[in-house]
Amino acid sequence: MVQARIRQRIKSSMQSGRALEGKWILEYEPAEAKKPDPLTGWAGSGDTREQVRLGFETLDAAKAYAEKHGLAFHVSVAGAERSLKIQTYSDNFKGPDLF
């Protein structure tokens, strides 16, 4: 049976905005292990499903798609949201607090 993973899209470290951050993605699990190519040495496999990534607005829509097409799936929940440590430039040069 074909395995799939449903996960929530997270913001990349290379993007500053939050576009598409709350969307859900369905990806297929690899069906075979990658092996080095004898000529180039690059890792690869004959599994083309690895290249497919489907986007959904909600988790329910992603689950409905997987169930409709007979995919066994599991939902990966992202970690807790990171909070920013706000500091000024002068905080970089502060010494240890003595009092």
N, C-alpha and C. Protein backbone atom coordinates (compact mmCIF):
# COMPACT_ATOMS: atom_id res chain seq x y z
N MET A 1 0.85 -1.18 0.00
CA MET A 1 0.00 0.00 0.00
C MET A 1 0.89 1.24 0.00
N VAL A 2 0.46 2.25 -0.69
CA VAL A 2 1.22 3.49 -0.82
C VAL A 2 1.11 4.30 0.48
N GLN A 3 2.25 4.73 0.99
CA GLN A 3 2.30 5.52 2.22
C GLN A 3 2.42 7.00 1.88
N ALA A 4 1.77 7.85 2.66
CA ALA A 4 1.86 9.30 2.45
C ALA A 4 2.03 9.98 3.79
N ARG A 5 2.58 11.18 3.73
CA ARG A 5 2.79 12.00 4.93
C ARG A 5 2.09 13.33 4.69
N ILE A 6 1.30 13.76 5.66
CA ILE A 6 0.63 15.06 5.59
C ILE A 6 1.27 15.94 6.65
N ARG A 7 1.73 17.11 6.22
CA ARG A 7 2.38 18.02 7.16
C ARG A 7 1.98 19.44 6.84
N GLN A 8 2.14 20.30 7.83
CA GLN A 8 1.83 21.70 7.63
C GLN A 8 3.06 22.41 7.09
N ARG A 9 2.84 23.30 6.16
CA ARG A 9 3.95 24.04 5.56
C ARG A 9 4.47 25.06 6.57
N ILE A 10 5.79 25.13 6.70
CA ILE A 10 6.39 26.10 7.60
C ILE A 10 7.20 27.10 6.79
N LYS A 11 7.44 28.23 7.40
CA LYS A 11 8.18 29.29 6.74
C LYS A 11 9.64 28.90 6.61
N SER A 12 10.18 29.07 5.43
CA SER A 12 11.59 28.79 5.20
C SER A 12 12.44 29.90 5.80
N SER A 13 13.66 29.60 6.15
CA SER A 13 14.54 30.63 6.69
C SER A 13 14.93 31.63 5.62
N MET A 14 14.70 31.31 4.36
CA MET A 14 15.05 32.21 3.26
C MET A 14 13.92 33.16 2.87
N GLN A 15 12.76 33.05 3.52
CA GLN A 15 11.66 33.95 3.19
C GLN A 15 11.33 34.82 4.38
N SER A 16 10.96 36.07 4.10
CA SER A 16 10.67 36.99 5.19
C SER A 16 9.18 37.05 5.47
N GLY A 17 8.33 36.81 4.49
CA GLY A 17 6.89 36.88 4.69
C GLY A 17 6.33 35.57 5.21
N ARG A 18 5.03 35.59 5.43
CA ARG A 18 4.37 34.40 5.95
C ARG A 18 3.34 33.83 4.96
N ALA A 19 3.56 34.06 3.66
CA ALA A 19 2.65 33.55 2.64
C ALA A 19 2.69 32.03 2.62
N LEU A 20 1.55 31.42 2.45
CA LEU A 20 1.38 29.96 2.35
C LEU A 20 1.82 29.21 3.61
N GLU A 21 1.99 29.91 4.72
CA GLU A 21 2.52 29.25 5.92
C GLU A 21 1.55 28.26 6.54
N GLY A 22 0.27 28.51 6.50
CA GLY A 22 -0.68 27.63 7.16
C GLY A 22 -1.21 26.51 6.29
N LYS A 23 -0.74 26.38 5.08
CA LYS A 23 -1.25 25.37 4.15
C LYS A 23 -0.74 23.98 4.55
N TRP A 24 -1.40 22.95 4.01
CA TRP A 24 -1.04 21.57 4.30
C TRP A 24 -0.49 20.91 3.05
N ILE A 25 0.51 20.04 3.21
CA ILE A 25 1.18 19.39 2.09
C ILE A 25 1.09 17.87 2.27
N LEU A 26 0.75 17.18 1.18
CA LEU A 26 0.76 15.72 1.16
C LEU A 26 1.94 15.28 0.31
N GLU A 27 2.83 14.49 0.90
CA GLU A 27 4.01 13.96 0.20
C GLU A 27 4.00 12.44 0.33
N TYR A 28 4.46 11.77 -0.70
CA TYR A 28 4.56 10.31 -0.67
C TYR A 28 5.85 9.89 0.02
N GLU A 29 5.76 8.83 0.82
CA GLU A 29 6.95 8.27 1.45
C GLU A 29 7.76 7.54 0.38
N PRO A 30 9.09 7.53 0.49
CA PRO A 30 9.90 6.82 -0.51
C PRO A 30 9.59 5.32 -0.52
N ALA A 31 9.42 4.77 -1.70
CA ALA A 31 9.09 3.34 -1.84
C ALA A 31 10.35 2.48 -1.86
N GLU A 32 11.48 3.05 -2.23
CA GLU A 32 12.73 2.30 -2.25
C GLU A 32 13.87 3.20 -1.77
N ALA A 33 14.90 2.58 -1.30
CA ALA A 33 16.04 3.32 -0.79
C ALA A 33 16.85 3.93 -1.93
N LYS A 34 17.47 5.07 -1.66
CA LYS A 34 18.32 5.68 -2.67
C LYS A 34 19.65 4.94 -2.71
N LYS A 35 20.21 4.87 -3.91
CA LYS A 35 21.50 4.20 -4.07
C LYS A 35 22.38 5.07 -4.96
N PRO A 36 23.69 4.99 -4.81
CA PRO A 36 24.57 5.83 -5.63
C PRO A 36 24.60 5.37 -7.08
N ASP A 37 24.60 6.34 -7.97
CA ASP A 37 24.72 6.05 -9.40
C ASP A 37 26.16 5.61 -9.68
N PRO A 38 26.37 4.53 -10.42
CA PRO A 38 27.74 4.06 -10.65
C PRO A 38 28.60 5.04 -11.45
N LEU A 39 28.00 5.83 -12.30
CA LEU A 39 28.77 6.74 -13.13
C LEU A 39 29.12 8.04 -12.42
N THR A 40 28.11 8.67 -11.80
CA THR A 40 28.33 9.97 -11.19
C THR A 40 28.51 9.93 -9.68
N GLY A 41 27.97 8.90 -9.04
CA GLY A 41 28.04 8.81 -7.59
C GLY A 41 26.90 9.54 -6.89
N TRP A 42 26.00 10.17 -7.63
CA TRP A 42 24.88 10.87 -7.03
C TRP A 42 23.86 9.87 -6.51
N ALA A 43 23.20 10.22 -5.41
CA ALA A 43 22.17 9.35 -4.85
C ALA A 43 20.87 9.53 -5.62
N GLY A 44 20.22 8.43 -5.93
CA GLY A 44 18.96 8.49 -6.65
C GLY A 44 18.23 7.17 -6.58
N SER A 45 16.99 7.19 -7.06
CA SER A 45 16.19 5.97 -7.11
C SER A 45 15.24 6.05 -8.29
N GLY A 46 14.56 4.98 -8.57
CA GLY A 46 13.61 4.95 -9.67
C GLY A 46 12.21 5.35 -9.25
N ASP A 47 12.04 5.76 -8.00
CA ASP A 47 10.73 6.12 -7.47
C ASP A 47 10.41 7.57 -7.86
N THR A 48 9.45 7.75 -8.77
CA THR A 48 9.10 9.11 -9.20
C THR A 48 8.06 9.78 -8.31
N ARG A 49 7.40 9.01 -7.44
CA ARG A 49 6.42 9.62 -6.54
C ARG A 49 7.07 10.56 -5.54
N GLU A 50 8.36 10.41 -5.34
CA GLU A 50 9.08 11.26 -4.42
C GLU A 50 9.06 12.72 -4.86
N GLN A 51 8.84 12.96 -6.14
CA GLN A 51 8.83 14.31 -6.69
C GLN A 51 7.48 14.99 -6.59
N VAL A 52 6.44 14.27 -6.18
CA VAL A 52 5.09 14.81 -6.12
C VAL A 52 4.83 15.43 -4.75
N ARG A 53 4.35 16.66 -4.76
CA ARG A 53 3.98 17.36 -3.53
C ARG A 53 2.66 18.08 -3.80
N LEU A 54 1.60 17.70 -3.08
CA LEU A 54 0.28 18.28 -3.28
C LEU A 54 -0.05 19.23 -2.14
N GLY A 55 -0.58 20.40 -2.46
CA GLY A 55 -0.94 21.39 -1.45
C GLY A 55 -2.43 21.45 -1.21
N PHE A 56 -2.84 21.67 0.04
CA PHE A 56 -4.25 21.75 0.42
C PHE A 56 -4.44 22.91 1.38
N GLU A 57 -5.65 23.47 1.37
CA GLU A 57 -5.98 24.59 2.25
C GLU A 57 -6.12 24.14 3.71
N THR A 58 -6.72 22.97 3.92
CA THR A 58 -6.99 22.50 5.28
C THR A 58 -6.50 21.06 5.46
N LEU A 59 -6.38 20.67 6.70
CA LEU A 59 -5.99 19.30 7.02
C LEU A 59 -7.08 18.33 6.60
N ASP A 60 -8.34 18.73 6.78
CA ASP A 60 -9.45 17.85 6.40
C ASP A 60 -9.46 17.58 4.90
N ALA A 61 -9.11 18.57 4.10
CA ALA A 61 -9.07 18.38 2.64
C ALA A 61 -7.96 17.40 2.26
N ALA A 62 -6.82 17.49 2.93
CA ALA A 62 -5.71 16.57 2.65
C ALA A 62 -6.08 15.14 3.06
N LYS A 63 -6.73 15.00 4.21
CA LYS A 63 -7.16 13.67 4.67
C LYS A 63 -8.20 13.08 3.71
N ALA A 64 -9.13 13.91 3.25
CA ALA A 64 -10.18 13.44 2.35
C ALA A 64 -9.56 12.96 1.03
N TYR A 65 -8.56 13.67 0.52
CA TYR A 65 -7.90 13.25 -0.71
C TYR A 65 -7.21 11.90 -0.51
N ALA A 66 -6.51 11.74 0.61
CA ALA A 66 -5.79 10.49 0.87
C ALA A 66 -6.76 9.32 1.00
N GLU A 67 -7.86 9.54 1.69
CA GLU A 67 -8.84 8.46 1.86
C GLU A 67 -9.53 8.13 0.54
N LYS A 68 -9.82 9.14 -0.26
CA LYS A 68 -10.47 8.91 -1.56
C LYS A 68 -9.61 8.08 -2.49
N HIS A 69 -8.29 8.29 -2.43
CA HIS A 69 -7.38 7.58 -3.32
C HIS A 69 -6.73 6.35 -2.67
N GLY A 70 -7.20 5.97 -1.49
CA GLY A 70 -6.72 4.75 -0.85
C GLY A 70 -5.29 4.82 -0.36
N LEU A 71 -4.86 5.98 0.13
CA LEU A 71 -3.49 6.14 0.63
C LEU A 71 -3.47 5.98 2.15
N ALA A 72 -2.54 5.19 2.63
CA ALA A 72 -2.31 5.13 4.07
C ALA A 72 -1.48 6.36 4.42
N PHE A 73 -1.90 7.12 5.41
CA PHE A 73 -1.21 8.37 5.71
C PHE A 73 -1.02 8.55 7.20
N HIS A 74 -0.07 9.42 7.55
CA HIS A 74 0.09 9.87 8.92
C HIS A 74 0.33 11.37 8.89
N VAL A 75 -0.11 12.05 9.94
CA VAL A 75 -0.01 13.50 10.02
C VAL A 75 1.19 13.85 10.89
N SER A 76 2.08 14.67 10.34
CA SER A 76 3.24 15.16 11.09
C SER A 76 2.93 16.57 11.58
N VAL A 77 2.97 16.74 12.88
CA VAL A 77 2.67 18.04 13.47
C VAL A 77 3.98 18.79 13.67
N ALA A 78 4.00 20.05 13.26
CA ALA A 78 5.20 20.87 13.41
C ALA A 78 5.43 21.20 14.87
N GLY A 79 6.67 21.58 15.20
CA GLY A 79 7.01 21.94 16.57
C GLY A 79 6.36 23.25 16.98
N ALA A 80 6.58 23.62 18.21
CA ALA A 80 6.01 24.87 18.72
C ALA A 80 6.60 26.05 17.97
N GLU A 81 5.80 27.11 17.90
CA GLU A 81 6.27 28.30 17.20
C GLU A 81 7.42 28.94 17.96
N ARG A 82 8.40 29.39 17.20
CA ARG A 82 9.54 30.04 17.82
C ARG A 82 9.22 31.49 18.11
N SER A 83 9.72 31.99 19.21
CA SER A 83 9.53 33.39 19.53
C SER A 83 10.85 34.13 19.32
N LEU A 84 10.74 35.37 18.94
CA LEU A 84 11.93 36.18 18.70
C LEU A 84 12.44 36.79 19.99
N LYS A 85 13.73 36.84 20.15
CA LYS A 85 14.35 37.51 21.28
C LYS A 85 14.67 38.93 20.82
N ILE A 86 13.90 39.88 21.31
CA ILE A 86 14.07 41.26 20.90
C ILE A 86 15.20 41.88 21.71
N GLN A 87 16.17 42.43 21.03
CA GLN A 87 17.28 43.11 21.69
C GLN A 87 17.76 44.24 20.81
N THR A 88 18.42 45.19 21.42
CA THR A 88 18.97 46.31 20.68
C THR A 88 20.43 46.02 20.34
N TYR A 89 20.98 46.83 19.47
CA TYR A 89 22.37 46.66 19.06
C TYR A 89 23.31 46.81 20.25
N SER A 90 23.00 47.72 21.16
CA SER A 90 23.88 47.94 22.30
C SER A 90 23.90 46.75 23.26
N ASP A 91 22.88 45.89 23.22
CA ASP A 91 22.86 44.70 24.08
C ASP A 91 24.00 43.74 23.73
N ASN A 92 24.54 43.82 22.52
CA ASN A 92 25.64 42.96 22.13
C ASN A 92 26.92 43.27 22.91
N PHE A 93 27.01 44.48 23.44
CA PHE A 93 28.24 44.92 24.10
C PHE A 93 28.09 45.07 25.60
N LYS A 94 26.98 44.66 26.15
CA LYS A 94 26.78 44.75 27.59
C LYS A 94 27.64 43.72 28.31
N GLY A 95 28.15 44.11 29.44
CA GLY A 95 28.90 43.18 30.27
C GLY A 95 27.94 42.38 31.14
N PRO A 96 28.48 41.49 31.97
CA PRO A 96 27.63 40.73 32.87
C PRO A 96 26.99 41.62 33.91
N ASP A 97 25.75 41.31 34.28
CA ASP A 97 25.05 42.09 35.30
C ASP A 97 25.65 41.73 36.66
N LEU A 98 26.14 42.78 37.37
CA LEU A 98 26.76 42.55 38.67
C LEU A 98 25.79 42.76 39.80
N PHE A 99 24.74 43.50 39.59
CA PHE A 99 23.79 43.76 40.66
C PHE A 99 22.44 43.28 40.31
